[in-house]
Amino acid sequence: MQISVNGEEMEVSPGFTIGKLLNLLELTPERLAVEKNGMVISRKLLTKTTLEEGDKLEIVKAIGGG
């Protein structure tokens, strides 16, 4: 099924979770914010939140600075 990740189309299997997607993209959730269709997803829900056809995800990496 097709989803959009940071504006780029991507194909994933039905039942794929955001947690699996982050693993596929080699990203660790500790320093990320994930938004699904305009709603921020809690870190503890990433492995439970399944993706659906047409979902739009925005993944933002936190960068320290000062």
PDB file of N, CA and C in Angstrom:
ATOM      1  N   MET A   1       0.839  -1.182   0.000  1.00  0.00           N
ATOM      2  CA  MET A   1       0.000   0.000   0.000  1.00  0.00           C
ATOM      3  C   MET A   1       0.883   1.244   0.000  1.00  0.00           C
ATOM      4  N   GLN A   2       0.363   2.326  -0.505  1.00  0.00           N
ATOM      5  CA  GLN A   2       1.117   3.573  -0.639  1.00  0.00           C
ATOM      6  C   GLN A   2       0.905   4.477   0.572  1.00  0.00           C
ATOM      7  N   ILE A   3       2.005   5.020   1.077  1.00  0.00           N
ATOM      8  CA  ILE A   3       1.966   6.053   2.109  1.00  0.00           C
ATOM      9  C   ILE A   3       2.934   7.153   1.682  1.00  0.00           C
ATOM     10  N   SER A   4       2.884   8.271   2.365  1.00  0.00           N
ATOM     11  CA  SER A   4       3.806   9.374   2.114  1.00  0.00           C
ATOM     12  C   SER A   4       4.613   9.622   3.383  1.00  0.00           C
ATOM     13  N   VAL A   5       5.943   9.670   3.235  1.00  0.00           N
ATOM     14  CA  VAL A   5       6.834   9.935   4.363  1.00  0.00           C
ATOM     15  C   VAL A   5       7.646  11.182   4.024  1.00  0.00           C
ATOM     16  N   ASN A   6       7.406  12.257   4.756  1.00  0.00           N
ATOM     17  CA  ASN A   6       8.075  13.540   4.506  1.00  0.00           C
ATOM     18  C   ASN A   6       7.970  13.949   3.037  1.00  0.00           C
ATOM     19  N   GLY A   7       6.773  13.719   2.467  1.00  0.00           N
ATOM     20  CA  GLY A   7       6.509  14.136   1.094  1.00  0.00           C
ATOM     21  C   GLY A   7       6.928  13.156   0.018  1.00  0.00           C
ATOM     22  N   GLU A   8       7.546  12.043   0.383  1.00  0.00           N
ATOM     23  CA  GLU A   8       7.976  11.045  -0.597  1.00  0.00           C
ATOM     24  C   GLU A   8       7.093   9.809  -0.500  1.00  0.00           C
ATOM     25  N   GLU A   9       6.630   9.339  -1.662  1.00  0.00           N
ATOM     26  CA  GLU A   9       5.784   8.146  -1.692  1.00  0.00           C
ATOM     27  C   GLU A   9       6.604   6.912  -1.346  1.00  0.00           C
ATOM     28  N   MET A  10       5.958   5.986  -0.637  1.00  0.00           N
ATOM     29  CA  MET A  10       6.634   4.773  -0.196  1.00  0.00           C
ATOM     30  C   MET A  10       5.622   3.638  -0.182  1.00  0.00           C
ATOM     31  N   GLU A  11       6.077   2.436  -0.490  1.00  0.00           N
ATOM     32  CA  GLU A  11       5.226   1.246  -0.486  1.00  0.00           C
ATOM     33  C   GLU A  11       5.527   0.429   0.765  1.00  0.00           C
ATOM     34  N   VAL A  12       4.489   0.074   1.529  1.00  0.00           N
ATOM     35  CA  VAL A  12       4.639  -0.789   2.703  1.00  0.00           C
ATOM     36  C   VAL A  12       3.548  -1.853   2.675  1.00  0.00           C
ATOM     37  N   SER A  13       3.755  -2.902   3.449  1.00  0.00           N
ATOM     38  CA  SER A  13       2.787  -3.997   3.536  1.00  0.00           C
ATOM     39  C   SER A  13       1.626  -3.609   4.446  1.00  0.00           C
ATOM     40  N   PRO A  14       0.442  -4.166   4.201  1.00  0.00           N
ATOM     41  CA  PRO A  14      -0.680  -3.941   5.121  1.00  0.00           C
ATOM     42  C   PRO A  14      -0.311  -4.404   6.531  1.00  0.00           C
ATOM     43  N   GLY A  15      -0.769  -3.670   7.544  1.00  0.00           N
ATOM     44  CA  GLY A  15      -0.472  -4.012   8.930  1.00  0.00           C
ATOM     45  C   GLY A  15       0.856  -3.481   9.430  1.00  0.00           C
ATOM     46  N   PHE A  16       1.606  -2.792   8.566  1.00  0.00           N
ATOM     47  CA  PHE A  16       2.890  -2.207   8.946  1.00  0.00           C
ATOM     48  C   PHE A  16       2.650  -1.157  10.020  1.00  0.00           C
ATOM     49  N   THR A  17       3.499  -1.121  11.042  1.00  0.00           N
ATOM     50  CA  THR A  17       3.373  -0.111  12.099  1.00  0.00           C
ATOM     51  C   THR A  17       4.400   1.002  11.880  1.00  0.00           C
ATOM     52  N   ILE A  18       4.199   2.105  12.572  1.00  0.00           N
ATOM     53  CA  ILE A  18       5.173   3.192  12.508  1.00  0.00           C
ATOM     54  C   ILE A  18       6.507   2.711  13.062  1.00  0.00           C
ATOM     55  N   GLY A  19       6.479   1.905  14.116  1.00  0.00           N
ATOM     56  CA  GLY A  19       7.715   1.353  14.679  1.00  0.00           C
ATOM     57  C   GLY A  19       8.501   0.556  13.655  1.00  0.00           C
ATOM     58  N   LYS A  20       7.821  -0.295  12.884  1.00  0.00           N
ATOM     59  CA  LYS A  20       8.493  -1.075  11.831  1.00  0.00           C
ATOM     60  C   LYS A  20       9.059  -0.153  10.761  1.00  0.00           C
ATOM     61  N   LEU A  21       8.314   0.893  10.431  1.00  0.00           N
ATOM     62  CA  LEU A  21       8.786   1.849   9.433  1.00  0.00           C
ATOM     63  C   LEU A  21      10.062   2.539   9.906  1.00  0.00           C
ATOM     64  N   LEU A  22      10.093   2.956  11.165  1.00  0.00           N
ATOM     65  CA  LEU A  22      11.294   3.602  11.702  1.00  0.00           C
ATOM     66  C   LEU A  22      12.484   2.650  11.651  1.00  0.00           C
ATOM     67  N   ASN A  23      12.266   1.371  11.972  1.00  0.00           N
ATOM     68  CA  ASN A  23      13.341   0.374  11.857  1.00  0.00           C
ATOM     69  C   ASN A  23      13.814   0.250  10.423  1.00  0.00           C
ATOM     70  N   LEU A  24      12.877   0.193   9.485  1.00  0.00           N
ATOM     71  CA  LEU A  24      13.217   0.089   8.068  1.00  0.00           C
ATOM     72  C   LEU A  24      14.067   1.282   7.620  1.00  0.00           C
ATOM     73  N   LEU A  25      13.725   2.460   8.123  1.00  0.00           N
ATOM     74  CA  LEU A  25      14.452   3.687   7.766  1.00  0.00           C
ATOM     75  C   LEU A  25      15.704   3.893   8.619  1.00  0.00           C
ATOM     76  N   GLU A  26      15.970   2.934   9.515  1.00  0.00           N
ATOM     77  CA  GLU A  26      17.126   2.982  10.415  1.00  0.00           C
ATOM     78  C   GLU A  26      17.118   4.235  11.288  1.00  0.00           C
ATOM     79  N   LEU A  27      15.937   4.542  11.836  1.00  0.00           N
ATOM     80  CA  LEU A  27      15.765   5.683  12.731  1.00  0.00           C
ATOM     81  C   LEU A  27      15.380   5.172  14.116  1.00  0.00           C
ATOM     82  N   THR A  28      15.923   5.807  15.148  1.00  0.00           N
ATOM     83  CA  THR A  28      15.548   5.446  16.516  1.00  0.00           C
ATOM     84  C   THR A  28      14.560   6.489  17.038  1.00  0.00           C
ATOM     85  N   PRO A  29      13.500   6.050  17.692  1.00  0.00           N
ATOM     86  CA  PRO A  29      12.433   6.975  18.081  1.00  0.00           C
ATOM     87  C   PRO A  29      12.769   7.940  19.209  1.00  0.00           C
ATOM     88  N   GLU A  30      13.874   7.736  19.908  1.00  0.00           N
ATOM     89  CA  GLU A  30      14.180   8.574  21.068  1.00  0.00           C
ATOM     90  C   GLU A  30      14.304  10.056  20.737  1.00  0.00           C
ATOM     91  N   ARG A  31      14.793  10.394  19.555  1.00  0.00           N
ATOM     92  CA  ARG A  31      15.000  11.805  19.217  1.00  0.00           C
ATOM     93  C   ARG A  31      14.194  12.201  17.988  1.00  0.00           C
ATOM     94  N   LEU A  32      12.977  11.647  17.907  1.00  0.00           N
ATOM     95  CA  LEU A  32      12.116  11.933  16.767  1.00  0.00           C
ATOM     96  C   LEU A  32      10.743  12.405  17.225  1.00  0.00           C
ATOM     97  N   ALA A  33      10.099  13.142  16.352  1.00  0.00           N
ATOM     98  CA  ALA A  33       8.672  13.424  16.491  1.00  0.00           C
ATOM     99  C   ALA A  33       8.022  12.868  15.232  1.00  0.00           C
ATOM    100  N   VAL A  34       6.923  12.138  15.407  1.00  0.00           N
ATOM    101  CA  VAL A  34       6.235  11.537  14.271  1.00  0.00           C
ATOM    102  C   VAL A  34       4.799  12.041  14.248  1.00  0.00           C
ATOM    103  N   GLU A  35       4.396  12.521  13.084  1.00  0.00           N
ATOM    104  CA  GLU A  35       3.040  13.008  12.876  1.00  0.00           C
ATOM    105  C   GLU A  35       2.386  12.137  11.810  1.00  0.00           C
ATOM    106  N   LYS A  36       1.184  11.648  12.084  1.00  0.00           N
ATOM    107  CA  LYS A  36       0.419  10.843  11.127  1.00  0.00           C
ATOM    108  C   LYS A  36      -0.864  11.595  10.802  1.00  0.00           C
ATOM    109  N   ASN A  37      -0.996  12.001   9.551  1.00  0.00           N
ATOM    110  CA  ASN A  37      -2.196  12.716   9.096  1.00  0.00           C
ATOM    111  C   ASN A  37      -2.533  13.912   9.990  1.00  0.00           C
ATOM    112  N   GLY A  38      -1.494  14.656  10.385  1.00  0.00           N
ATOM    113  CA  GLY A  38      -1.691  15.873  11.161  1.00  0.00           C
ATOM    114  C   GLY A  38      -1.776  15.688  12.667  1.00  0.00           C
ATOM    115  N   MET A  39      -1.685  14.436  13.140  1.00  0.00           N
ATOM    116  CA  MET A  39      -1.755  14.160  14.578  1.00  0.00           C
ATOM    117  C   MET A  39      -0.410  13.636  15.059  1.00  0.00           C
ATOM    118  N   VAL A  40       0.147  14.251  16.114  1.00  0.00           N
ATOM    119  CA  VAL A  40       1.407  13.780  16.682  1.00  0.00           C
ATOM    120  C   VAL A  40       1.147  12.454  17.392  1.00  0.00           C
ATOM    121  N   ILE A  41       2.014  11.466  17.126  1.00  0.00           N
ATOM    122  CA  ILE A  41       1.880  10.137  17.713  1.00  0.00           C
ATOM    123  C   ILE A  41       2.842  10.016  18.892  1.00  0.00           C
ATOM    124  N   SER A  42       2.314   9.643  20.039  1.00  0.00           N
ATOM    125  CA  SER A  42       3.125   9.439  21.237  1.00  0.00           C
ATOM    126  C   SER A  42       4.166   8.353  20.978  1.00  0.00           C
ATOM    127  N   ARG A  43       5.348   8.541  21.522  1.00  0.00           N
ATOM    128  CA  ARG A  43       6.434   7.572  21.340  1.00  0.00           C
ATOM    129  C   ARG A  43       6.020   6.167  21.782  1.00  0.00           C
ATOM    130  N   LYS A  44       5.263   6.077  22.873  1.00  0.00           N
ATOM    131  CA  LYS A  44       4.865   4.757  23.375  1.00  0.00           C
ATOM    132  C   LYS A  44       3.830   4.080  22.474  1.00  0.00           C
ATOM    133  N   LEU A  45       3.238   4.810  21.541  1.00  0.00           N
ATOM    134  CA  LEU A  45       2.256   4.227  20.625  1.00  0.00           C
ATOM    135  C   LEU A  45       2.828   3.897  19.248  1.00  0.00           C
ATOM    136  N   LEU A  46       4.095   4.209  19.017  1.00  0.00           N
ATOM    137  CA  LEU A  46       4.676   3.999  17.686  1.00  0.00           C
ATOM    138  C   LEU A  46       4.610   2.545  17.239  1.00  0.00           C
ATOM    139  N   THR A  47       4.847   1.608  18.151  1.00  0.00           N
ATOM    140  CA  THR A  47       4.844   0.191  17.764  1.00  0.00           C
ATOM    141  C   THR A  47       3.432  -0.373  17.665  1.00  0.00           C
ATOM    142  N   LYS A  48       2.432   0.382  18.111  1.00  0.00           N
ATOM    143  CA  LYS A  48       1.046  -0.084  18.074  1.00  0.00           C
ATOM    144  C   LYS A  48       0.223   0.588  16.984  1.00  0.00           C
ATOM    145  N   THR A  49       0.731   1.681  16.432  1.00  0.00           N
ATOM    146  CA  THR A  49      -0.024   2.450  15.450  1.00  0.00           C
ATOM    147  C   THR A  49       0.229   1.898  14.054  1.00  0.00           C
ATOM    148  N   THR A  50      -0.816   1.330  13.451  1.00  0.00           N
ATOM    149  CA  THR A  50      -0.665   0.747  12.115  1.00  0.00           C
ATOM    150  C   THR A  50      -0.885   1.807  11.042  1.00  0.00           C
ATOM    151  N   LEU A  51      -0.260   1.555   9.914  1.00  0.00           N
ATOM    152  CA  LEU A  51      -0.368   2.453   8.772  1.00  0.00           C
ATOM    153  C   LEU A  51      -1.486   1.980   7.858  1.00  0.00           C
ATOM    154  N   GLU A  52      -2.115   2.941   7.183  1.00  0.00           N
ATOM    155  CA  GLU A  52      -3.201   2.648   6.261  1.00  0.00           C
ATOM    156  C   GLU A  52      -2.914   3.319   4.927  1.00  0.00           C
ATOM    157  N   GLU A  53      -3.524   2.786   3.882  1.00  0.00           N
ATOM    158  CA  GLU A  53      -3.378   3.328   2.534  1.00  0.00           C
ATOM    159  C   GLU A  53      -3.592   4.839   2.551  1.00  0.00           C
ATOM    160  N   GLY A  54      -2.640   5.576   1.968  1.00  0.00           N
ATOM    161  CA  GLY A  54      -2.768   7.016   1.836  1.00  0.00           C
ATOM    162  C   GLY A  54      -2.324   7.832   3.038  1.00  0.00           C
ATOM    163  N   ASP A  55      -1.866   7.180   4.109  1.00  0.00           N
ATOM    164  CA  ASP A  55      -1.396   7.932   5.276  1.00  0.00           C
ATOM    165  C   ASP A  55      -0.270   8.880   4.891  1.00  0.00           C
ATOM    166  N   LYS A  56      -0.259  10.032   5.545  1.00  0.00           N
ATOM    167  CA  LYS A  56       0.808  11.017   5.353  1.00  0.00           C
ATOM    168  C   LYS A  56       1.553  11.163   6.672  1.00  0.00           C
ATOM    169  N   LEU A  57       2.843  10.811   6.643  1.00  0.00           N
ATOM    170  CA  LEU A  57       3.677  10.891   7.837  1.00  0.00           C
ATOM    171  C   LEU A  57       4.711  11.987   7.677  1.00  0.00           C
ATOM    172  N   GLU A  58       4.960  12.679   8.764  1.00  0.00           N
ATOM    173  CA  GLU A  58       6.072  13.620   8.846  1.00  0.00           C
ATOM    174  C   GLU A  58       6.939  13.147  10.001  1.00  0.00           C
ATOM    175  N   ILE A  59       8.218  12.935   9.726  1.00  0.00           N
ATOM    176  CA  ILE A  59       9.164  12.498  10.748  1.00  0.00           C
ATOM    177  C   ILE A  59      10.215  13.586  10.888  1.00  0.00           C
ATOM    178  N   VAL A  60      10.343  14.122  12.103  1.00  0.00           N
ATOM    179  CA  VAL A  60      11.264  15.223  12.360  1.00  0.00           C
ATOM    180  C   VAL A  60      12.279  14.776  13.400  1.00  0.00           C
ATOM    181  N   LYS A  61      13.564  14.983  13.092  1.00  0.00           N
ATOM    182  CA  LYS A  61      14.638  14.651  14.033  1.00  0.00           C
ATOM    183  C   LYS A  61      14.918  15.848  14.930  1.00  0.00           C
ATOM    184  N   ALA A  62      15.034  15.586  16.231  1.00  0.00           N
ATOM    185  CA  ALA A  62      15.392  16.639  17.183  1.00  0.00           C
ATOM    186  C   ALA A  62      16.904  16.847  17.140  1.00  0.00           C
ATOM    187  N   ILE A  63      17.305  18.102  17.048  1.00  0.00           N
ATOM    188  CA  ILE A  63      18.726  18.439  17.004  1.00  0.00           C
ATOM    189  C   ILE A  63      19.010  19.418  18.136  1.00  0.00           C
ATOM    190  N   GLY A  64      19.981  19.085  18.965  1.00  0.00           N
ATOM    191  CA  GLY A  64      20.350  19.962  20.073  1.00  0.00           C
ATOM    192  C   GLY A  64      21.146  21.161  19.582  1.00  0.00           C
ATOM    193  N   GLY A  65      21.088  22.192  20.315  1.00  0.00           N
ATOM    194  CA  GLY A  65      21.839  23.391  19.952  1.00  0.00           C
ATOM    195  C   GLY A  65      21.819  24.370  21.115  1.00  0.00           C
ATOM    196  N   GLY A  66      22.412  25.489  20.877  1.00  0.00           N
ATOM    197  CA  GLY A  66      22.395  26.426  21.984  1.00  0.00           C
ATOM    198  C   GLY A  66      22.827  27.777  21.610  1.00  0.00           C
TER     199      GLY A  66
END
